Protein backbone atom coordinates (compact mmCIF):
# COMPACT_ATOMS: atom_id res chain seq x y z
CA UNK A 1 42.28 76.59 92.14
CA UNK A 2 42.33 78.97 94.72
CA UNK A 3 45.15 81.39 95.08
CA UNK A 4 46.83 81.94 98.60
CA UNK A 5 46.99 85.63 99.28
CA UNK A 6 50.74 85.31 99.78
CA UNK A 7 51.20 83.64 96.13
CA UNK A 8 50.64 87.22 94.44
CA UNK A 9 52.64 89.22 96.97
CA UNK A 10 55.28 90.75 94.90
CA UNK A 11 57.94 90.63 97.81
CA UNK A 12 57.36 86.63 98.08
CA UNK A 13 57.56 86.50 94.30
CA UNK A 14 60.71 88.21 93.91
CA UNK A 15 62.05 86.13 97.02
CA UNK A 16 61.25 82.98 95.29
CA UNK A 17 62.53 84.18 91.87
CA UNK A 18 65.79 84.99 93.61
CA UNK A 19 66.02 81.79 95.16
CA UNK A 20 65.61 79.92 92.12
CA UNK A 21 68.06 82.09 90.19
CA UNK A 22 70.66 81.37 93.06
CA UNK A 23 69.87 77.86 92.87
CA UNK A 24 70.53 77.63 89.09
CA UNK A 25 73.58 79.76 89.30
CA UNK A 26 75.22 77.28 91.89
CA UNK A 27 74.22 74.44 89.73
CA UNK A 28 75.66 75.97 86.49
CA UNK A 29 78.80 77.01 88.54
CA UNK A 30 79.54 73.47 90.00
CA UNK A 31 78.66 71.68 86.86
CA UNK A 32 81.11 74.12 84.85
CA UNK A 33 83.67 73.26 87.63
CA UNK A 34 83.48 69.70 87.46
CA UNK A 35 83.58 69.71 83.55
CA UNK A 36 86.66 72.13 83.45
CA UNK A 37 88.72 71.28 86.22
CA UNK A 38 87.37 68.15 87.86
CA UNK A 39 89.69 66.10 86.06
CA UNK A 40 93.07 68.01 86.43
CA UNK A 41 92.73 69.34 90.04
CA UNK A 42 93.56 65.90 91.77
CA UNK A 43 96.67 65.97 89.52
CA UNK A 44 98.01 69.02 90.76
CA UNK A 45 101.40 68.93 92.64
CA UNK A 46 100.35 70.52 95.75
CA UNK A 47 97.70 72.65 97.59
CA UNK A 48 98.98 75.89 96.44
CA UNK A 49 98.92 74.70 92.80
CA UNK A 50 95.28 73.44 93.28
CA UNK A 51 94.40 76.80 94.71
CA UNK A 52 95.87 78.90 91.58
CA UNK A 53 93.85 76.50 89.34
CA UNK A 54 90.76 77.15 91.25
CA UNK A 55 91.43 80.92 91.08
CA UNK A 56 91.75 80.90 87.45
CA UNK A 57 88.53 78.95 86.80
CA UNK A 58 86.69 81.32 89.22
CA UNK A 59 88.12 84.22 87.68
CA UNK A 60 87.27 83.36 84.04
CA UNK A 61 83.86 81.94 84.91
CA UNK A 62 82.48 85.08 86.50
CA UNK A 63 84.43 87.51 84.17
CA UNK A 64 82.42 85.83 81.32
CA UNK A 65 79.10 86.00 83.59
CA UNK A 66 79.56 89.68 84.09
CA UNK A 67 80.03 89.98 80.10
CA UNK A 68 76.68 88.34 79.25
CA UNK A 69 74.78 91.60 80.45
CA UNK A 70 77.29 93.94 79.02
CA UNK A 71 77.06 92.39 75.49
CA UNK A 72 72.92 92.22 75.77
CA UNK A 73 73.33 96.13 76.32
CA UNK A 74 75.75 96.54 73.56
CA UNK A 75 73.33 94.79 71.22
CA UNK A 76 70.30 96.77 72.34
CA UNK A 77 72.68 99.92 71.79
CA UNK A 78 73.79 98.68 68.46
CA UNK A 79 77.47 99.47 69.37
CA UNK A 80 78.99 96.88 66.93
CA UNK A 81 82.68 98.19 67.71
CA UNK A 82 82.19 97.27 71.67
CA UNK A 83 80.28 94.30 70.74
CA UNK A 84 83.22 93.06 68.57
CA UNK A 85 85.78 93.91 71.30
CA UNK A 86 83.75 92.28 73.95
CA UNK A 87 83.21 89.15 72.07
CA UNK A 88 86.98 88.95 71.40
CA UNK A 89 87.64 89.25 75.04
CA UNK A 90 85.04 86.49 75.71
CA UNK A 91 86.38 84.31 73.11
CA UNK A 92 90.01 84.52 74.91
CA UNK A 93 88.58 83.63 78.23
CA UNK A 94 86.73 80.62 76.48
CA UNK A 95 90.10 79.59 74.91
CA UNK A 96 91.68 79.86 78.51
CA UNK A 97 88.82 77.62 79.95
CA UNK A 98 89.70 74.94 77.15
CA UNK A 99 93.60 75.27 77.98
CA UNK A 100 92.79 74.71 81.71
CA UNK A 101 90.76 71.79 81.07
CA UNK A 102 93.30 70.05 78.64
CA UNK A 103 95.94 70.37 81.36
CA UNK A 104 98.07 73.45 80.37
CA UNK A 105 100.22 74.96 83.17
CA UNK A 106 98.60 77.83 85.32
CA UNK A 107 101.53 79.80 84.39
CA UNK A 108 100.63 79.64 80.44
CA UNK A 109 96.82 80.34 81.15
CA UNK A 110 97.28 82.73 83.89
CA UNK A 111 99.54 84.81 81.56
CA UNK A 112 97.17 84.65 78.54
CA UNK A 113 94.29 85.74 80.80
CA UNK A 114 96.38 88.58 82.60
CA UNK A 115 97.46 90.18 79.31
CA UNK A 116 94.09 89.94 77.94
CA UNK A 117 92.25 91.44 80.76
CA UNK A 118 94.86 94.28 80.73
CA UNK A 119 95.04 94.88 76.98
CA UNK A 120 91.22 94.64 76.68
CA UNK A 121 90.73 97.33 79.35
CA UNK A 122 93.30 99.55 77.69
CA UNK A 123 91.32 99.17 74.30
CA UNK A 124 88.21 100.00 75.99
CA UNK A 125 89.56 102.92 77.68
CA UNK A 126 90.75 104.16 74.27
CA UNK A 127 87.46 103.67 72.53
CA UNK A 128 85.58 105.80 75.39
CA UNK A 129 87.71 108.97 74.98
CA UNK A 130 90.83 107.66 76.83
CA UNK A 131 88.46 107.34 79.91
CA UNK A 132 90.74 106.41 83.13
CA UNK A 133 88.02 106.17 85.63
CA UNK A 134 87.29 103.50 87.87
CA UNK A 135 85.71 101.11 85.72
CA UNK A 136 88.85 100.64 83.70
CA UNK A 137 91.06 100.94 86.88
CA UNK A 138 89.49 97.92 88.52
CA UNK A 139 90.16 95.91 85.48
CA UNK A 140 93.75 96.94 85.06
CA UNK A 141 94.15 95.84 88.96
CA UNK A 142 92.46 92.38 88.05
CA UNK A 143 94.84 91.88 85.50
CA UNK A 144 97.99 92.75 87.57
CA UNK A 145 97.07 90.73 90.55
CA UNK A 146 96.08 87.74 88.21
CA UNK A 147 99.48 87.65 86.70
CA UNK A 148 101.12 88.04 90.22
CA UNK A 149 99.35 85.24 91.53
CA UNK A 150 99.26 82.76 88.91
CA UNK A 151 102.50 83.66 87.26
CA UNK A 152 105.16 85.40 88.90
CA UNK A 153 106.29 88.77 90.07
CA UNK A 154 107.91 89.66 86.82
CA UNK A 155 104.81 89.33 84.95
CA UNK A 156 103.19 91.66 87.19
CA UNK A 157 105.82 94.21 86.91
CA UNK A 158 105.67 94.09 83.15
CA UNK A 159 101.71 94.66 83.41
CA UNK A 160 102.43 97.46 85.41
CA UNK A 161 104.99 98.73 83.06
CA UNK A 162 102.28 98.67 80.09
CA UNK A 163 99.95 100.11 81.99
CA UNK A 164 102.37 103.30 83.09
CA UNK A 165 103.26 103.56 79.31
CA UNK A 166 99.48 103.83 78.34
CA UNK A 167 98.86 106.49 81.46
CA UNK A 168 101.50 108.51 80.19
CA UNK A 169 100.37 108.63 76.73
CA UNK A 170 96.66 109.37 77.84
CA UNK A 171 98.09 112.07 79.90
CA UNK A 172 99.77 113.56 77.03
CA UNK A 173 96.72 112.97 74.93
CA UNK A 174 94.36 114.94 77.53
CA UNK A 175 96.84 117.70 78.15
CA UNK A 176 97.72 118.43 74.45
CA UNK A 177 93.90 118.14 73.34
CA UNK A 178 94.83 115.68 70.49
CA UNK A 179 91.84 114.45 68.41
CA UNK A 180 91.62 110.97 68.93
CA UNK A 181 89.18 108.21 67.58
CA UNK A 182 85.85 107.68 69.22
CA UNK A 183 83.78 104.74 68.59
CA UNK A 184 80.44 105.86 67.06
CA UNK A 185 77.64 106.28 69.62
CA UNK A 186 79.85 107.18 72.49
CA UNK A 187 77.91 109.49 74.95
CA UNK A 188 79.76 110.82 78.26
CA UNK A 189 76.14 110.29 79.68
CA UNK A 190 76.39 106.72 78.81
CA UNK A 191 79.54 106.55 80.71
CA UNK A 192 78.37 108.20 83.70
CA UNK A 193 75.29 105.83 83.67
CA UNK A 194 77.56 102.55 83.05
CA UNK A 195 80.68 103.53 85.33
CA UNK A 196 78.91 102.90 88.70
CA UNK A 197 77.40 99.50 87.83
CA UNK A 198 80.27 97.99 85.99
CA UNK A 199 82.81 99.13 88.71
CA UNK A 200 80.67 97.49 91.30
CA UNK A 201 80.43 94.33 89.44
CA UNK A 202 84.33 94.38 89.14
CA UNK A 203 84.87 95.00 92.68
CA UNK A 204 82.56 92.40 93.51
CA UNK A 205 84.42 89.99 90.92
CA UNK A 206 87.78 91.17 93.01
CA UNK A 207 86.44 90.05 96.25
CA UNK A 208 84.86 86.87 95.00
CA UNK A 209 87.64 85.38 93.26
CA UNK A 210 90.77 86.68 95.65
CA UNK A 211 88.87 86.11 98.89
CA UNK A 212 88.07 82.50 97.99
CA UNK A 213 91.44 81.95 96.39
CA UNK A 214 93.28 82.94 99.90
CA UNK A 215 90.31 80.78 101.71
CA UNK A 216 91.20 77.95 99.43
CA UNK A 217 94.89 78.30 100.21
CA UNK A 218 94.25 78.10 104.00
CA UNK A 219 92.05 75.25 103.89
CA UNK A 220 94.03 73.09 101.43
CA UNK A 221 97.13 73.97 103.39
CA UNK A 222 95.65 72.77 106.58
CA UNK A 223 94.58 69.72 104.89
CA UNK A 224 97.88 68.95 103.58
CA UNK A 225 99.25 69.59 107.12
CA UNK A 226 97.16 67.10 108.55
CA UNK A 227 97.94 64.48 105.74
CA UNK A 228 101.41 65.19 106.49
CA UNK A 229 101.00 64.70 110.09
CA UNK A 230 99.31 61.25 109.69
CA UNK A 231 102.28 60.10 107.26
CA UNK A 232 104.76 61.14 109.92
CA UNK A 233 103.03 59.60 112.73
CA UNK A 234 102.94 56.37 110.84
CA UNK A 235 106.36 56.57 109.75
CA UNK A 236 107.42 57.14 113.60
CA UNK A 237 105.26 54.08 114.44
CA UNK A 238 107.29 51.81 111.90
CA UNK A 239 110.83 53.05 113.32
CA UNK A 240 109.62 52.83 116.77
CA UNK A 241 108.40 49.07 116.30
CA UNK A 242 111.90 48.27 114.50
CA UNK A 243 113.87 49.71 117.25
CA UNK A 244 112.02 47.96 119.98
CA UNK A 245 112.21 44.67 118.07
CA UNK A 246 116.03 45.14 118.16
CA UNK A 247 115.87 46.32 121.96
CA UNK A 248 113.86 43.06 122.81
CA UNK A 249 116.44 40.71 120.71
CA UNK A 250 119.62 42.38 122.52
CA UNK A 251 117.68 41.85 125.81
CA UNK A 252 117.24 38.04 125.27
CA UNK A 253 120.90 37.84 123.81
CA UNK A 254 122.08 39.57 127.03
CA UNK A 255 120.04 37.43 129.22
CA UNK A 256 121.28 34.11 127.49
CA UNK A 257 124.84 35.57 127.99
CA UNK A 258 124.45 36.18 131.55
CA UNK A 259 123.07 32.81 132.33
CA UNK A 260 125.98 31.28 130.44
CA UNK A 261 128.41 33.48 132.23
CA UNK A 262 129.47 35.40 129.54
CA UNK A 263 131.27 38.72 130.02
CA UNK A 264 129.83 40.35 126.88
CA UNK A 265 126.73 41.44 129.03
CA UNK A 266 128.02 45.06 129.20
CA UNK A 267 128.31 45.06 125.20
CA UNK A 268 124.73 44.02 125.10
CA UNK A 269 123.38 46.60 127.68
CA UNK A 270 125.32 49.30 125.81
CA UNK A 271 123.90 48.37 122.50
CA UNK A 272 120.51 48.57 124.23
CA UNK A 273 121.09 51.92 125.52
CA UNK A 274 121.98 53.32 121.99
CA UNK A 275 118.76 51.84 120.38
CA UNK A 276 116.79 53.50 123.16
CA UNK A 277 118.43 56.66 122.57
CA UNK A 278 117.56 56.19 118.74
CA UNK A 279 113.91 55.60 119.58
CA UNK A 280 113.81 58.70 121.66
CA UNK A 281 115.44 60.90 118.84
CA UNK A 282 112.40 59.65 116.71
CA UNK A 283 109.98 60.88 119.31
CA UNK A 284 111.56 64.04 119.81
CA UNK A 285 111.62 64.80 115.80
CA UNK A 286 109.23 67.63 114.42
CA UNK A 287 107.66 67.38 110.91
CA UNK A 288 108.91 69.53 108.41
CA UNK A 289 106.86 72.70 107.64
CA UNK A 290 105.46 71.71 104.03
CA UNK A 291 103.01 74.69 103.60
CA UNK A 292 103.50 75.55 99.77
CA UNK A 293 101.84 78.89 100.36
CA UNK A 294 104.87 79.67 102.40
CA UNK A 295 107.74 78.09 100.77
CA UNK A 296 106.76 79.11 97.20
CA UNK A 297 109.07 81.85 95.90
CA UNK A 298 108.05 84.66 93.69
CA UNK A 299 110.43 84.82 90.75
């Protein structure tokens, strides 16, 4: 067997590996999506609810995906406390996926996921010498946004309140120099190394989930608008057919009365005019704005 010169090229090998990993990742994502939300997505009340279900699935799926290299790193470092906390965190997210699959409402699952994200980031911050860096700040922002979009404004405000209390406590601990528990093996150098990577990963998670969410809202609302237009046109056609059948009948009736010398012809003509006005009003109607994203109120 003769190898081509390009087969051993590191760049081409890396490109093929990247392509294969990307293809595998897409297959896993779409298979998981079909498995978890494939059955319940068509049962959603409207397009906005469908977008929230997809948002929850995307967030949970990619958060678990990010946790895989973190857990592997913790195993290598033999950080058993961090491994335990991350495992609990992942376990709750797996439970959230199962709840979605079983048809639980997005409000219940979103609340569980949002509070888990917030509290896990707080616990991790405490175990890392009350670190308030961007690695934890982005996680707190993710939890607040998740609560706001999937539940309501009140939940987001409660999460902000929890974060505010924790930041006040952390500031007091830092200012007064109180000795607090730090997990074994903690190193400020490890924090400096991990912070850029994890922060970028969480930012990409933020962009991926919420960017796709609002794109889904727009696309689903557009599809629903088209469907409403079709239904409206069909209803107008039915009403117009009914009106013109009435007009045709009245016209025949008026013609017969005229030939018979009846003086009730004006009544028939007046009724024809009224029926034509009704048909014109149907044509002048505008379909109602049914965009759920615009009409959904935050409590």
